[in-house]
Amino acid sequence: MTSPSAKLHEGRGWHIAAWALCVAGALARIAAYAQNRSLWYDEAALALNLARRGYLGLLAPLDNLQTAPPLFLWLERTVVAAFGFNEWTLRALPLAAGVATGPMMWRVARRLLPLPAALLAVALVTLSPGLVRYSAEVKPYGLDALVTLVLLDRAIAVAQPASRSGQWWLLAGAGVLAIVTSTPAPFVIAGVIAFLLVRAALTRDAALTRRAIVLAAGWAATIALLVATVFRPLLGESAAVGKFMHWYWATNFLTPGPPGLATKVSVMLWAVLTETFLGAAAIPGATTLLVATVAIGCLMLIATRRFAELALIVVPVAALVVASALRLYPIAGRLVLFAAPLSSLLLGSSLLVLMRRDGSVRLAWLSAVPTVVVSILAVKGVVAQLRSDDGREESRALVHAAMRERALGKPVWVSGGGEAAWRFYSGQIISNEQAGANGPLSASGRAIAPDVLVGAWYNSAPERILPTPAETAADATVSAWSEMEARRVREVARPCVLLFLSQTQPGEAASLLKSAAPMGGRVVQSTRAPGAALHEVCFAAPSSTPRR
């Protein structure tokens, strides 16, 4: 029999390990933040909305087909208003949420599971490559995970026998704030209500049932109000943003459409589990192993009669699946990071197989092995992510270089996908309507500033310009889009013009340059960066097109 002092010593070891993981996770997030990567398209596009709009304006559909929950936008707006408009301040809120996620995960996990199982859950969340990445981006996905944990924490608090009315008010307020802070929060709220109702049924607590029903009604009213106002354009396909989102995420809905339901499920499981927790360090068969471990976790929760805890964790996932089948919410890696704490709890629950009935561990060293293995793989995934250029669009230095050349008289053509980055880093924040319809280059195309012309989005062109994945002039083919844009580039050249490209599709730049060549255009200088490029193209003779 284990003595009380031995149990205390054993418990202290698990606590120390958990806080070590929290520190490691915080350092990983700070390292990602310290890289100060250039804003990629979605970040820059969202940042422009924050710069252009006030608090009430952020409740309307956002420009650039962006979406974000209102309180997240208001918090970001407050931070940049107080501390300045730059990458550091824009990413400060996601960083703070990411650092807080580790300790909150430990707080929740150790109240739901034995310490060894809780430690595994903490390792999965603190060292998650997916959560580390979005702790350093101007997007709400990392904050979603923290919101999930806050709701779980408050639900556990009110379910305690000695909970006071103040705990219920805290849960009610947390739910309302969650709804306006995190788009997927309603899924977690469904789990909270299920948890309370199951707990009430098991304990035959009529008062708990009544309170849970009242809470559900209040939250449902809040969700209905938000859906009828702020989120209404997202749910239908009539509004531009709703139409775009349904097109962009078409393969991420659990529907029978292409590429097939079986393929979709396989890809989604990889994104939700393998990509989130292991990233580039995933071993062969990792998804199958993780799915099997989740299944074992569910079975162990049932075997140990933790039915309320099972409902708390599984119901949000079930609600997500239903919403995806109804084409209301796509299942993709970053969009389901809110579920990372839930998945980690299920994975941690698999270690219940090593627990005795009295709560002690059969083989303490064996229960620590999965945590050690997961931590090693996850750290490798985080390191690989920090070193990787995947997803990067390093446009900051290129825009600054182009601005210096523009000051010397060279006009600039900006790709449609690069407009947001150009505006952010050049300081040309104002919208096209504010720039005016009669800009200096309006005869050639859409001007956003004197001598700055924005090209048409290739994304909107219904054609394929590259038969192979390699983006080279030899492989790219000319197209109606590239011919049109080459003529516009030729029209504004003096005799040279700078081409700034970012957020491009494979072959986009090569096709444009190939179309410009027969018009006398030749590349005299190119500067490339991950996800972005700046080309100087000179033509044989100055354009004869009159300029306004």
Protein backbone atom coordinates (compact mmCIF):
# COMPACT_ATOMS: atom_id res chain seq x y z
CA MET A 1 0.00 0.00 0.00
CA THR A 2 1.33 3.44 -0.96
CA SER A 3 1.85 5.81 1.97
CA PRO A 4 0.33 9.34 1.91
CA SER A 5 3.79 10.90 1.73
CA ALA A 6 4.68 8.73 -1.26
CA LYS A 7 1.43 9.73 -3.02
CA LEU A 8 2.20 13.38 -2.33
CA HIS A 9 5.69 12.99 -3.73
CA GLU A 10 4.32 11.20 -6.79
CA GLY A 11 1.73 13.92 -7.35
CA ARG A 12 4.37 16.62 -7.03
CA GLY A 13 6.36 14.99 -9.83
CA TRP A 14 3.39 15.10 -12.20
CA HIS A 15 2.79 18.76 -11.34
CA ILE A 16 6.42 19.68 -11.97
CA ALA A 17 6.36 17.86 -15.31
CA ALA A 18 3.14 19.66 -16.29
CA TRP A 19 4.54 23.09 -15.51
CA ALA A 20 7.73 22.24 -17.38
CA LEU A 21 5.59 21.45 -20.42
CA CYS A 22 3.72 24.74 -19.98
CA VAL A 23 7.01 26.65 -19.92
CA ALA A 24 8.26 24.79 -23.00
CA GLY A 25 5.01 25.55 -24.83
CA ALA A 26 5.21 29.22 -23.89
CA LEU A 27 8.82 29.43 -25.12
CA ALA A 28 7.84 27.80 -28.42
CA ARG A 29 5.09 30.37 -28.92
CA ILE A 30 7.39 33.24 -28.02
CA ALA A 31 9.96 31.90 -30.49
CA ALA A 32 7.32 31.88 -33.26
CA TYR A 33 6.29 35.42 -32.31
CA ALA A 34 9.91 36.61 -32.21
CA GLN A 35 10.46 35.49 -35.79
CA ASN A 36 8.31 38.48 -36.78
CA ARG A 37 7.40 37.00 -40.14
CA SER A 38 5.69 39.24 -42.67
CA LEU A 39 1.93 39.15 -42.53
CA TRP A 40 0.53 36.64 -45.00
CA TYR A 41 -2.56 37.48 -47.03
CA ASP A 42 -5.28 36.69 -44.48
CA GLU A 43 -3.42 38.49 -41.71
CA ALA A 44 -2.81 41.60 -43.80
CA ALA A 45 -6.37 41.61 -45.13
CA LEU A 46 -7.79 41.38 -41.61
CA ALA A 47 -5.38 44.03 -40.36
CA LEU A 48 -6.62 46.48 -43.01
CA ASN A 49 -10.13 46.13 -41.63
CA LEU A 50 -8.84 46.95 -38.16
CA ALA A 51 -7.08 50.05 -39.47
CA ARG A 52 -10.01 51.33 -41.53
CA ARG A 53 -12.92 50.71 -39.21
CA GLY A 54 -14.15 51.69 -35.80
CA TYR A 55 -15.80 49.35 -33.33
CA LEU A 56 -19.27 49.55 -34.87
CA GLY A 57 -17.86 49.23 -38.37
CA LEU A 58 -16.25 45.92 -37.42
CA LEU A 59 -19.71 44.44 -36.87
CA ALA A 60 -20.51 44.76 -40.59
CA PRO A 61 -19.22 42.24 -43.18
CA LEU A 62 -15.47 42.75 -43.45
CA ASP A 63 -13.58 43.79 -46.56
CA ASN A 64 -11.36 41.37 -48.48
CA LEU A 65 -13.74 38.44 -47.78
CA GLN A 66 -12.47 38.15 -44.22
CA THR A 67 -14.38 36.85 -41.23
CA ALA A 68 -13.72 36.97 -37.49
CA PRO A 69 -15.87 37.05 -34.34
CA PRO A 70 -16.75 40.56 -33.14
CA LEU A 71 -15.13 40.54 -29.69
CA PHE A 72 -11.87 39.24 -31.15
CA LEU A 73 -11.91 42.16 -33.59
CA TRP A 74 -12.70 44.63 -30.83
CA LEU A 75 -9.88 43.33 -28.65
CA GLU A 76 -7.45 43.57 -31.57
CA ARG A 77 -8.71 47.07 -32.36
CA THR A 78 -8.15 48.12 -28.75
CA VAL A 79 -4.60 46.75 -28.65
CA VAL A 80 -3.49 48.48 -31.87
CA ALA A 81 -5.20 51.72 -30.85
CA ALA A 82 -3.28 51.70 -27.58
CA PHE A 83 0.12 50.45 -28.72
CA GLY A 84 0.40 51.14 -32.46
CA PHE A 85 -0.44 49.43 -35.73
CA ASN A 86 2.26 46.89 -36.55
CA GLU A 87 2.93 43.15 -36.61
CA TRP A 88 4.00 43.03 -32.97
CA THR A 89 0.82 44.57 -31.60
CA LEU A 90 -1.47 42.74 -34.01
CA ARG A 91 -0.06 39.39 -32.88
CA ALA A 92 0.12 40.23 -29.17
CA LEU A 93 -3.41 38.98 -28.39
CA PRO A 94 -2.95 35.56 -30.07
CA LEU A 95 0.40 35.21 -28.27
CA ALA A 96 -1.12 35.99 -24.87
CA ALA A 97 -3.92 33.48 -25.52
CA GLY A 98 -1.39 30.85 -26.60
CA VAL A 99 0.76 31.29 -23.49
CA ALA A 100 -2.32 31.04 -21.25
CA THR A 101 -3.55 27.88 -22.97
CA GLY A 102 -0.98 25.58 -21.32
CA PRO A 103 -1.74 26.41 -17.67
CA MET A 104 -5.47 26.38 -18.37
CA MET A 105 -5.15 22.97 -20.03
CA TRP A 106 -3.45 21.62 -16.90
CA ARG A 107 -6.11 23.17 -14.67
CA VAL A 108 -8.90 21.49 -16.65
CA ALA A 109 -7.22 18.15 -17.34
CA ARG A 110 -6.24 17.40 -13.73
CA ARG A 111 -9.85 18.02 -12.63
CA LEU A 112 -11.20 15.57 -15.19
CA LEU A 113 -8.52 12.87 -15.34
CA PRO A 114 -5.87 11.22 -13.14
CA LEU A 115 -2.56 13.05 -13.20
CA PRO A 116 -0.72 10.77 -15.68
CA ALA A 117 -3.59 11.05 -18.17
CA ALA A 118 -3.85 14.79 -17.58
CA LEU A 119 -0.13 15.19 -18.24
CA LEU A 120 -0.45 13.54 -21.65
CA ALA A 121 -3.27 15.94 -22.54
CA VAL A 122 -1.12 18.88 -21.46
CA ALA A 123 1.84 17.70 -23.56
CA LEU A 124 -0.39 17.40 -26.64
CA VAL A 125 -1.74 20.95 -26.29
CA THR A 126 1.32 22.84 -25.09
CA LEU A 127 3.57 21.40 -27.81
CA SER A 128 1.00 21.32 -30.60
CA PRO A 129 2.61 22.65 -33.82
CA GLY A 130 -0.80 23.90 -34.95
CA LEU A 131 -1.47 25.87 -31.78
CA VAL A 132 2.10 27.19 -31.72
CA ARG A 133 1.73 28.53 -35.25
CA TYR A 134 -1.53 30.34 -34.64
CA SER A 135 -0.22 31.89 -31.44
CA ALA A 136 1.83 34.13 -33.72
CA GLU A 137 -0.73 35.03 -36.40
CA VAL A 138 -3.44 37.69 -36.55
CA LYS A 139 -6.23 35.12 -36.58
CA PRO A 140 -8.58 33.88 -33.83
CA TYR A 141 -7.81 30.15 -34.09
CA GLY A 142 -5.40 29.98 -31.15
CA LEU A 143 -7.81 31.99 -29.02
CA ASP A 144 -10.54 29.46 -29.90
CA ALA A 145 -8.67 26.77 -27.95
CA LEU A 146 -8.39 28.98 -24.87
CA VAL A 147 -12.09 29.80 -25.03
CA THR A 148 -12.86 26.07 -25.11
CA LEU A 149 -10.80 25.54 -21.97
CA VAL A 150 -12.44 28.44 -20.13
CA LEU A 151 -15.87 26.97 -20.83
CA LEU A 152 -14.77 23.52 -19.66
CA ASP A 153 -13.28 24.99 -16.51
CA ARG A 154 -16.44 26.91 -15.62
CA ALA A 155 -18.64 23.89 -16.36
CA ILE A 156 -16.59 21.72 -14.02
CA ALA A 157 -16.84 24.39 -11.32
CA VAL A 158 -20.64 24.58 -11.32
CA ALA A 159 -20.99 20.79 -11.34
CA GLN A 160 -19.33 20.54 -7.94
CA PRO A 161 -21.75 19.76 -5.07
CA ALA A 162 -20.76 22.86 -3.11
CA SER A 163 -20.90 25.30 -6.03
CA ARG A 164 -22.53 28.65 -5.30
CA SER A 165 -24.77 30.83 -7.43
CA GLY A 166 -21.82 33.05 -8.25
CA GLN A 167 -20.22 30.15 -10.14
CA TRP A 168 -23.33 29.91 -12.32
CA TRP A 169 -23.21 33.59 -13.12
CA LEU A 170 -19.55 33.22 -14.08
CA LEU A 171 -20.42 30.32 -16.38
CA ALA A 172 -23.30 32.25 -17.94
CA GLY A 173 -21.11 35.27 -18.58
CA ALA A 174 -18.26 33.13 -19.90
CA GLY A 175 -20.66 31.50 -22.35
CA VAL A 176 -21.92 34.84 -23.69
CA LEU A 177 -18.37 36.15 -24.07
CA ALA A 178 -17.31 32.90 -25.73
CA ILE A 179 -20.08 33.17 -28.32
CA VAL A 180 -18.92 36.63 -29.43
CA THR A 181 -15.21 35.78 -29.17
CA SER A 182 -14.97 32.38 -30.83
CA THR A 183 -16.98 31.28 -33.88
CA PRO A 184 -16.97 27.55 -32.94
CA ALA A 185 -17.88 28.24 -29.28
CA PRO A 186 -21.50 27.06 -29.79
CA PHE A 187 -20.17 23.52 -30.33
CA VAL A 188 -18.42 23.61 -26.96
CA ILE A 189 -21.50 25.13 -25.33
CA ALA A 190 -23.51 22.15 -26.57
CA GLY A 191 -21.03 19.92 -24.74
CA VAL A 192 -21.31 21.99 -21.56
CA ILE A 193 -25.11 21.68 -21.53
CA ALA A 194 -24.89 17.94 -22.21
CA PHE A 195 -22.36 17.60 -19.38
CA LEU A 196 -24.61 19.36 -16.90
CA LEU A 197 -27.71 17.41 -17.91
CA VAL A 198 -25.95 14.04 -17.73
CA ARG A 199 -24.46 14.96 -14.36
CA ALA A 200 -27.90 16.01 -13.14
CA ALA A 201 -29.42 12.74 -14.34
CA LEU A 202 -26.73 10.66 -12.66
CA THR A 203 -27.06 12.51 -9.34
CA ARG A 204 -30.84 13.01 -9.66
CA ASP A 205 -30.35 16.72 -9.07
CA ALA A 206 -33.49 18.50 -10.28
CA ALA A 207 -32.07 21.94 -9.45
CA LEU A 208 -29.04 21.28 -11.65
CA THR A 209 -31.35 20.25 -14.49
CA ARG A 210 -33.40 23.44 -14.19
CA ARG A 211 -30.33 25.64 -14.14
CA ALA A 212 -28.85 23.88 -17.14
CA ILE A 213 -32.08 24.41 -19.12
CA VAL A 214 -32.21 28.12 -18.23
CA LEU A 215 -28.55 28.46 -19.19
CA ALA A 216 -29.16 26.70 -22.51
CA ALA A 217 -32.07 29.01 -23.30
CA GLY A 218 -30.03 32.14 -22.60
CA TRP A 219 -27.10 30.98 -24.67
CA ALA A 220 -29.37 29.87 -27.51
CA ALA A 221 -30.91 33.35 -27.61
CA THR A 222 -27.45 34.91 -27.76
CA ILE A 223 -26.39 32.60 -30.59
CA ALA A 224 -29.62 33.29 -32.51
CA LEU A 225 -29.08 37.04 -32.19
CA LEU A 226 -25.51 36.79 -33.44
CA VAL A 227 -26.47 34.51 -36.34
CA ALA A 228 -29.30 36.84 -37.35
CA THR A 229 -26.99 39.86 -37.41
CA VAL A 230 -23.21 39.60 -37.58
CA PHE A 231 -22.87 36.05 -38.94
CA ARG A 232 -25.85 36.04 -41.29
CA PRO A 233 -23.80 36.71 -44.47
CA LEU A 234 -21.59 33.69 -43.69
CA LEU A 235 -24.33 31.09 -43.57
CA GLY A 236 -25.96 31.76 -46.92
CA GLU A 237 -24.46 31.71 -50.38
CA SER A 238 -26.22 34.86 -51.57
CA ALA A 239 -23.79 37.30 -49.94
CA ALA A 240 -20.31 37.58 -51.46
CA VAL A 241 -18.49 36.40 -48.35
CA GLY A 242 -20.84 33.45 -47.86
CA LYS A 243 -20.51 32.43 -51.50
CA PHE A 244 -16.74 32.65 -51.34
CA MET A 245 -16.47 30.69 -48.08
CA HIS A 246 -18.67 27.87 -49.39
CA TRP A 247 -16.57 27.72 -52.56
CA TYR A 248 -13.22 27.93 -50.79
CA TRP A 249 -14.05 25.27 -48.20
CA ALA A 250 -16.14 23.07 -50.51
CA THR A 251 -14.00 19.95 -49.97
CA ASN A 252 -14.03 20.43 -46.18
CA PHE A 253 -17.72 19.77 -45.69
CA LEU A 254 -18.82 16.25 -44.78
CA THR A 255 -20.93 15.82 -47.89
CA PRO A 256 -20.80 13.16 -50.63
CA GLY A 257 -19.35 15.59 -53.20
CA PRO A 258 -15.85 15.33 -54.72
CA PRO A 259 -13.34 13.99 -53.78
CA GLY A 260 -15.68 11.56 -52.02
CA LEU A 261 -16.83 11.14 -48.43
CA ALA A 262 -14.23 8.48 -47.54
CA THR A 263 -11.38 10.66 -48.80
CA LYS A 264 -12.75 13.68 -46.95
CA VAL A 265 -12.99 11.78 -43.67
CA SER A 266 -9.42 10.54 -44.03
CA VAL A 267 -8.07 14.02 -44.76
CA MET A 268 -10.09 15.56 -41.94
CA LEU A 269 -8.86 13.04 -39.37
CA TRP A 270 -5.30 13.76 -40.45
CA ALA A 271 -5.89 17.52 -40.10
CA VAL A 272 -7.71 17.33 -36.76
CA LEU A 273 -5.28 14.92 -35.07
CA THR A 274 -1.99 14.38 -36.89
CA GLU A 275 -1.38 17.85 -38.28
CA THR A 276 -2.54 19.52 -35.07
CA PHE A 277 -0.48 17.50 -32.61
CA LEU A 278 2.54 16.24 -34.59
CA GLY A 279 2.87 18.39 -37.71
CA ALA A 280 5.82 17.54 -39.94
CA ALA A 281 7.18 15.07 -37.36
CA ALA A 282 4.31 12.62 -37.87
CA ILE A 283 5.43 9.02 -38.31
CA PRO A 284 3.85 6.65 -40.86
CA GLY A 285 0.50 5.42 -39.60
CA ALA A 286 0.23 8.25 -37.07
CA THR A 287 -3.37 9.08 -37.97
CA THR A 288 -4.51 5.48 -37.57
CA LEU A 289 -2.71 5.24 -34.23
CA LEU A 290 -4.23 8.48 -32.97
CA VAL A 291 -7.74 7.49 -34.05
CA ALA A 292 -7.36 4.14 -32.29
CA THR A 293 -6.13 5.90 -29.15
CA VAL A 294 -9.12 8.25 -29.23
CA ALA A 295 -11.41 5.22 -29.48
CA ILE A 296 -9.68 3.62 -26.49
CA GLY A 297 -10.09 6.88 -24.57
CA CYS A 298 -13.84 6.89 -25.24
CA LEU A 299 -14.16 3.26 -24.17
CA MET A 300 -12.20 3.90 -20.97
CA LEU A 301 -14.44 6.85 -20.06
CA ILE A 302 -17.42 4.55 -20.48
CA ALA A 303 -15.76 1.69 -18.58
CA THR A 304 -14.95 3.99 -15.66
CA ARG A 305 -18.51 5.40 -15.74
CA ARG A 306 -17.37 8.94 -16.51
CA PHE A 307 -20.45 9.56 -18.62
CA ALA A 308 -20.74 13.28 -17.93
CA GLU A 309 -17.09 13.84 -18.83
CA LEU A 310 -17.61 11.84 -22.03
CA ALA A 311 -20.54 14.06 -22.99
CA LEU A 312 -18.51 17.20 -22.25
CA ILE A 313 -15.75 16.08 -24.62
CA VAL A 314 -17.63 14.20 -27.36
CA VAL A 315 -20.81 16.26 -27.87
CA PRO A 316 -18.91 19.29 -29.30
CA VAL A 317 -17.26 16.99 -31.84
CA ALA A 318 -20.62 15.43 -32.72
CA ALA A 319 -22.13 18.91 -33.15
CA LEU A 320 -19.22 19.85 -35.42
CA VAL A 321 -19.83 16.78 -37.60
CA VAL A 322 -23.53 17.63 -37.94
CA ALA A 323 -22.75 21.26 -38.81
CA SER A 324 -20.26 20.14 -41.45
CA ALA A 325 -22.76 17.70 -42.97
CA LEU A 326 -25.22 20.61 -43.23
CA ARG A 327 -22.52 22.78 -44.89
CA LEU A 328 -22.58 25.21 -41.98
CA TYR A 329 -19.00 24.74 -40.76
CA PRO A 330 -16.04 23.23 -42.62
CA ILE A 331 -13.65 20.79 -40.96
CA ALA A 332 -10.10 21.97 -41.66
CA GLY A 333 -6.94 22.12 -39.56
CA ARG A 334 -7.00 25.72 -38.36
CA LEU A 335 -10.79 25.90 -38.10
CA VAL A 336 -10.95 23.01 -35.62
CA LEU A 337 -8.10 24.02 -33.33
CA PHE A 338 -10.82 24.84 -30.82
CA ALA A 339 -11.24 21.07 -30.47
CA ALA A 340 -7.55 20.42 -29.73
CA PRO A 341 -8.14 20.43 -25.94
CA LEU A 342 -11.06 18.02 -26.41
CA SER A 343 -9.04 15.65 -28.59
CA SER A 344 -6.14 15.77 -26.13
CA LEU A 345 -8.47 14.83 -23.28
CA LEU A 346 -9.72 11.82 -25.23
CA LEU A 347 -6.16 10.79 -26.05
CA GLY A 348 -5.17 11.22 -22.42
CA SER A 349 -8.18 9.17 -21.31
CA SER A 350 -6.65 6.14 -23.00
CA LEU A 351 -4.22 5.96 -20.05
CA LEU A 352 -7.13 5.16 -17.76
CA VAL A 353 -6.41 1.57 -18.72
CA LEU A 354 -3.41 1.79 -16.36
CA MET A 355 -5.40 3.14 -13.42
CA ARG A 356 -6.47 1.03 -10.47
CA ARG A 357 -9.92 1.40 -8.98
CA ASP A 358 -8.53 3.47 -6.11
CA GLY A 359 -7.10 5.98 -8.60
CA SER A 360 -3.46 4.96 -8.25
CA VAL A 361 -1.25 4.05 -11.19
CA ARG A 362 -0.36 0.43 -11.88
CA LEU A 363 2.90 1.19 -13.64
CA ALA A 364 3.86 4.84 -13.19
CA TRP A 365 6.84 4.62 -15.52
CA LEU A 366 4.72 3.03 -18.26
CA SER A 367 2.09 5.76 -18.04
CA ALA A 368 4.82 8.36 -18.64
CA VAL A 369 6.10 6.72 -21.83
CA PRO A 370 3.35 8.01 -24.16
CA THR A 371 3.86 11.55 -22.83
CA VAL A 372 7.60 11.37 -23.45
CA VAL A 373 7.16 9.98 -26.98
CA VAL A 374 4.49 12.54 -27.88
CA SER A 375 6.60 15.38 -26.47
CA ILE A 376 9.65 14.38 -28.52
CA LEU A 377 7.65 14.11 -31.76
CA ALA A 378 5.75 17.34 -31.09
CA VAL A 379 8.95 19.27 -30.37
CA LYS A 380 10.37 18.02 -33.66
CA GLY A 381 7.19 19.19 -35.35
CA VAL A 382 7.44 22.63 -33.77
CA VAL A 383 11.11 23.01 -34.71
CA ALA A 384 10.37 21.93 -38.29
CA GLN A 385 7.54 24.44 -38.45
CA LEU A 386 9.70 27.30 -37.15
CA ARG A 387 12.31 26.49 -39.79
CA SER A 388 9.85 25.93 -42.63
CA ASP A 389 8.92 28.43 -45.32
CA ASP A 390 5.54 26.76 -45.79
CA GLY A 391 2.79 29.34 -45.63
CA ARG A 392 5.21 32.26 -45.44
CA GLU A 393 4.79 35.36 -47.59
CA GLU A 394 7.81 37.49 -46.81
CA SER A 395 6.67 40.66 -48.51
CA ARG A 396 7.82 43.31 -46.02
CA ALA A 397 11.33 43.89 -47.42
CA LEU A 398 10.14 43.65 -51.02
CA VAL A 399 7.45 46.29 -50.54
CA HIS A 400 9.93 48.61 -48.85
CA ALA A 401 12.38 48.12 -51.73
CA ALA A 402 9.64 48.82 -54.28
CA MET A 403 8.62 51.97 -52.41
CA ARG A 404 12.18 53.27 -52.63
CA GLU A 405 12.26 52.63 -56.38
CA ARG A 406 8.80 54.15 -56.79
CA ALA A 407 10.09 57.35 -55.16
CA LEU A 408 12.59 57.53 -58.06
CA GLY A 409 9.81 57.40 -60.64
CA LYS A 410 9.25 53.72 -61.33
CA PRO A 411 5.59 52.64 -61.42
CA VAL A 412 4.53 49.47 -59.63
CA TRP A 413 2.16 46.69 -60.67
CA VAL A 414 0.82 44.69 -57.70
CA SER A 415 -0.70 41.24 -58.08
CA GLY A 416 -4.27 40.89 -56.87
CA GLY A 417 -3.15 38.54 -54.12
CA GLY A 418 -0.43 40.95 -53.04
CA GLU A 419 -2.64 44.00 -52.61
CA ALA A 420 -3.29 43.50 -48.89
CA ALA A 421 0.42 43.12 -48.10
CA TRP A 422 1.29 46.07 -50.31
CA ARG A 423 -1.24 48.31 -48.59
CA PHE A 424 -0.12 47.26 -45.11
CA TYR A 425 3.62 47.69 -45.65
CA SER A 426 3.42 50.74 -47.90
CA GLY A 427 1.02 52.56 -45.61
CA GLN A 428 -1.57 52.92 -48.39
CA ILE A 429 -4.34 51.72 -46.11
CA ILE A 430 -7.30 53.57 -47.60
CA SER A 431 -9.81 51.67 -49.71
CA ASN A 432 -10.19 52.01 -53.47
CA GLU A 433 -13.24 54.21 -53.09
CA GLN A 434 -11.22 56.58 -50.94
CA ALA A 435 -8.39 56.57 -53.48
CA GLY A 436 -10.77 57.85 -56.13
CA ALA A 437 -11.84 56.57 -59.54
CA ASN A 438 -9.67 59.04 -61.46
CA GLY A 439 -6.24 58.07 -60.17
CA PRO A 440 -3.16 58.57 -62.36
CA LEU A 441 -3.32 54.99 -63.65
CA SER A 442 -7.09 54.64 -63.87
CA ALA A 443 -6.91 54.48 -67.68
CA SER A 444 -4.88 51.30 -67.39
CA GLY A 445 -6.59 49.64 -64.47
CA ARG A 446 -7.43 49.97 -60.82
CA ALA A 447 -5.06 52.42 -59.17
CA ILE A 448 -4.69 52.46 -55.40
CA ALA A 449 -2.11 55.27 -55.31
CA PRO A 450 -0.17 57.39 -57.81
CA ASP A 451 1.80 55.01 -60.05
CA VAL A 452 0.55 51.89 -58.24
CA LEU A 453 -1.66 49.57 -60.26
CA VAL A 454 -3.35 46.43 -58.90
CA GLY A 455 -3.74 43.49 -61.25
CA ALA A 456 -6.80 41.31 -61.53
CA TRP A 457 -6.97 38.35 -59.16
CA TYR A 458 -5.84 35.26 -61.04
CA ASN A 459 -8.04 33.30 -58.61
CA SER A 460 -11.07 34.67 -60.44
CA ALA A 461 -9.82 33.51 -63.86
CA PRO A 462 -11.54 30.27 -65.00
CA GLU A 463 -8.43 28.91 -66.73
CA ARG A 464 -5.34 26.85 -66.04
CA ILE A 465 -1.99 28.34 -66.97
CA LEU A 466 0.35 25.70 -65.58
CA PRO A 467 0.09 22.05 -66.56
CA THR A 468 2.74 20.98 -64.01
CA PRO A 469 3.38 22.04 -60.41
CA ALA A 470 6.76 23.67 -61.20
CA GLU A 471 6.44 27.41 -61.66
CA THR A 472 8.79 28.06 -64.57
CA ALA A 473 8.50 30.06 -67.75
CA ALA A 474 9.02 26.90 -69.75
CA ASP A 475 6.03 25.16 -68.20
CA ALA A 476 3.67 28.09 -67.85
CA THR A 477 1.30 28.90 -70.71
CA VAL A 478 -0.01 32.29 -71.74
CA SER A 479 -3.66 32.93 -71.07
CA ALA A 480 -6.31 35.59 -71.45
CA TRP A 481 -5.49 36.72 -67.92
CA SER A 482 -1.72 36.95 -68.49
CA GLU A 483 -2.15 38.68 -71.87
CA MET A 484 -4.47 41.29 -70.37
CA GLU A 485 -2.18 41.97 -67.39
CA ALA A 486 0.94 42.10 -69.61
CA ARG A 487 -0.69 44.78 -71.74
CA ARG A 488 -1.53 46.78 -68.62
CA VAL A 489 2.05 46.42 -67.37
CA ARG A 490 3.38 47.53 -70.78
CA GLU A 491 1.03 50.49 -70.75
CA VAL A 492 2.40 51.98 -67.54
CA ALA A 493 6.11 51.21 -68.06
CA ARG A 494 8.52 54.22 -68.19
CA PRO A 495 10.15 52.19 -69.79
CA CYS A 496 10.56 50.00 -66.69
CA VAL A 497 8.02 48.83 -64.17
CA LEU A 498 8.21 46.90 -60.92
CA LEU A 499 6.08 43.78 -60.51
CA PHE A 500 5.28 42.85 -56.90
CA LEU A 501 3.72 39.42 -56.49
CA SER A 502 2.48 37.69 -53.36
CA GLN A 503 -0.23 35.12 -52.58
CA THR A 504 0.11 33.88 -56.15
CA GLN A 505 -1.03 30.64 -57.71
CA PRO A 506 1.49 28.22 -59.28
CA GLY A 507 2.51 29.55 -62.67
CA GLU A 508 0.95 32.99 -62.20
CA ALA A 509 4.21 34.94 -62.28
CA ALA A 510 5.76 32.81 -65.00
CA SER A 511 2.71 33.17 -67.26
CA LEU A 512 2.71 36.96 -66.83
CA LEU A 513 6.41 37.26 -67.67
CA LYS A 514 5.99 34.95 -70.64
CA SER A 515 3.19 37.16 -72.02
CA ALA A 516 5.28 40.30 -71.50
CA ALA A 517 8.28 38.92 -73.45
CA PRO A 518 6.78 39.26 -77.00
CA MET A 519 5.84 42.85 -76.12
CA GLY A 520 9.49 43.66 -75.57
CA GLY A 521 9.49 43.13 -71.84
CA ARG A 522 12.54 41.57 -70.24
CA VAL A 523 13.34 40.95 -66.61
CA VAL A 524 16.40 42.95 -65.64
CA GLN A 525 16.33 42.17 -61.93
CA SER A 526 14.47 39.79 -59.65
CA THR A 527 14.36 39.54 -55.89
CA ARG A 528 12.64 36.52 -54.42
CA ALA A 529 11.53 35.74 -50.90
CA PRO A 530 9.41 32.91 -49.51
CA GLY A 531 5.94 33.37 -50.97
CA ALA A 532 6.71 36.70 -52.66
CA ALA A 533 8.77 38.19 -55.48
CA LEU A 534 9.73 41.56 -56.94
CA HIS A 535 10.66 41.77 -60.62
CA GLU A 536 11.87 44.80 -62.57
CA VAL A 537 10.71 44.52 -66.18
CA CYS A 538 11.92 46.94 -68.84
CA PHE A 539 10.44 47.35 -72.31
CA ALA A 540 12.20 48.28 -75.52
CA ALA A 541 10.66 51.73 -75.75
CA PRO A 542 8.53 53.94 -73.51
CA SER A 543 4.83 53.46 -73.79
CA SER A 544 3.10 55.91 -76.11
CA THR A 545 -0.13 55.70 -74.15
CA PRO A 546 -0.98 59.12 -72.74
CA ARG A 547 -0.97 59.29 -68.97
CA ARG A 548 -3.36 61.26 -66.89
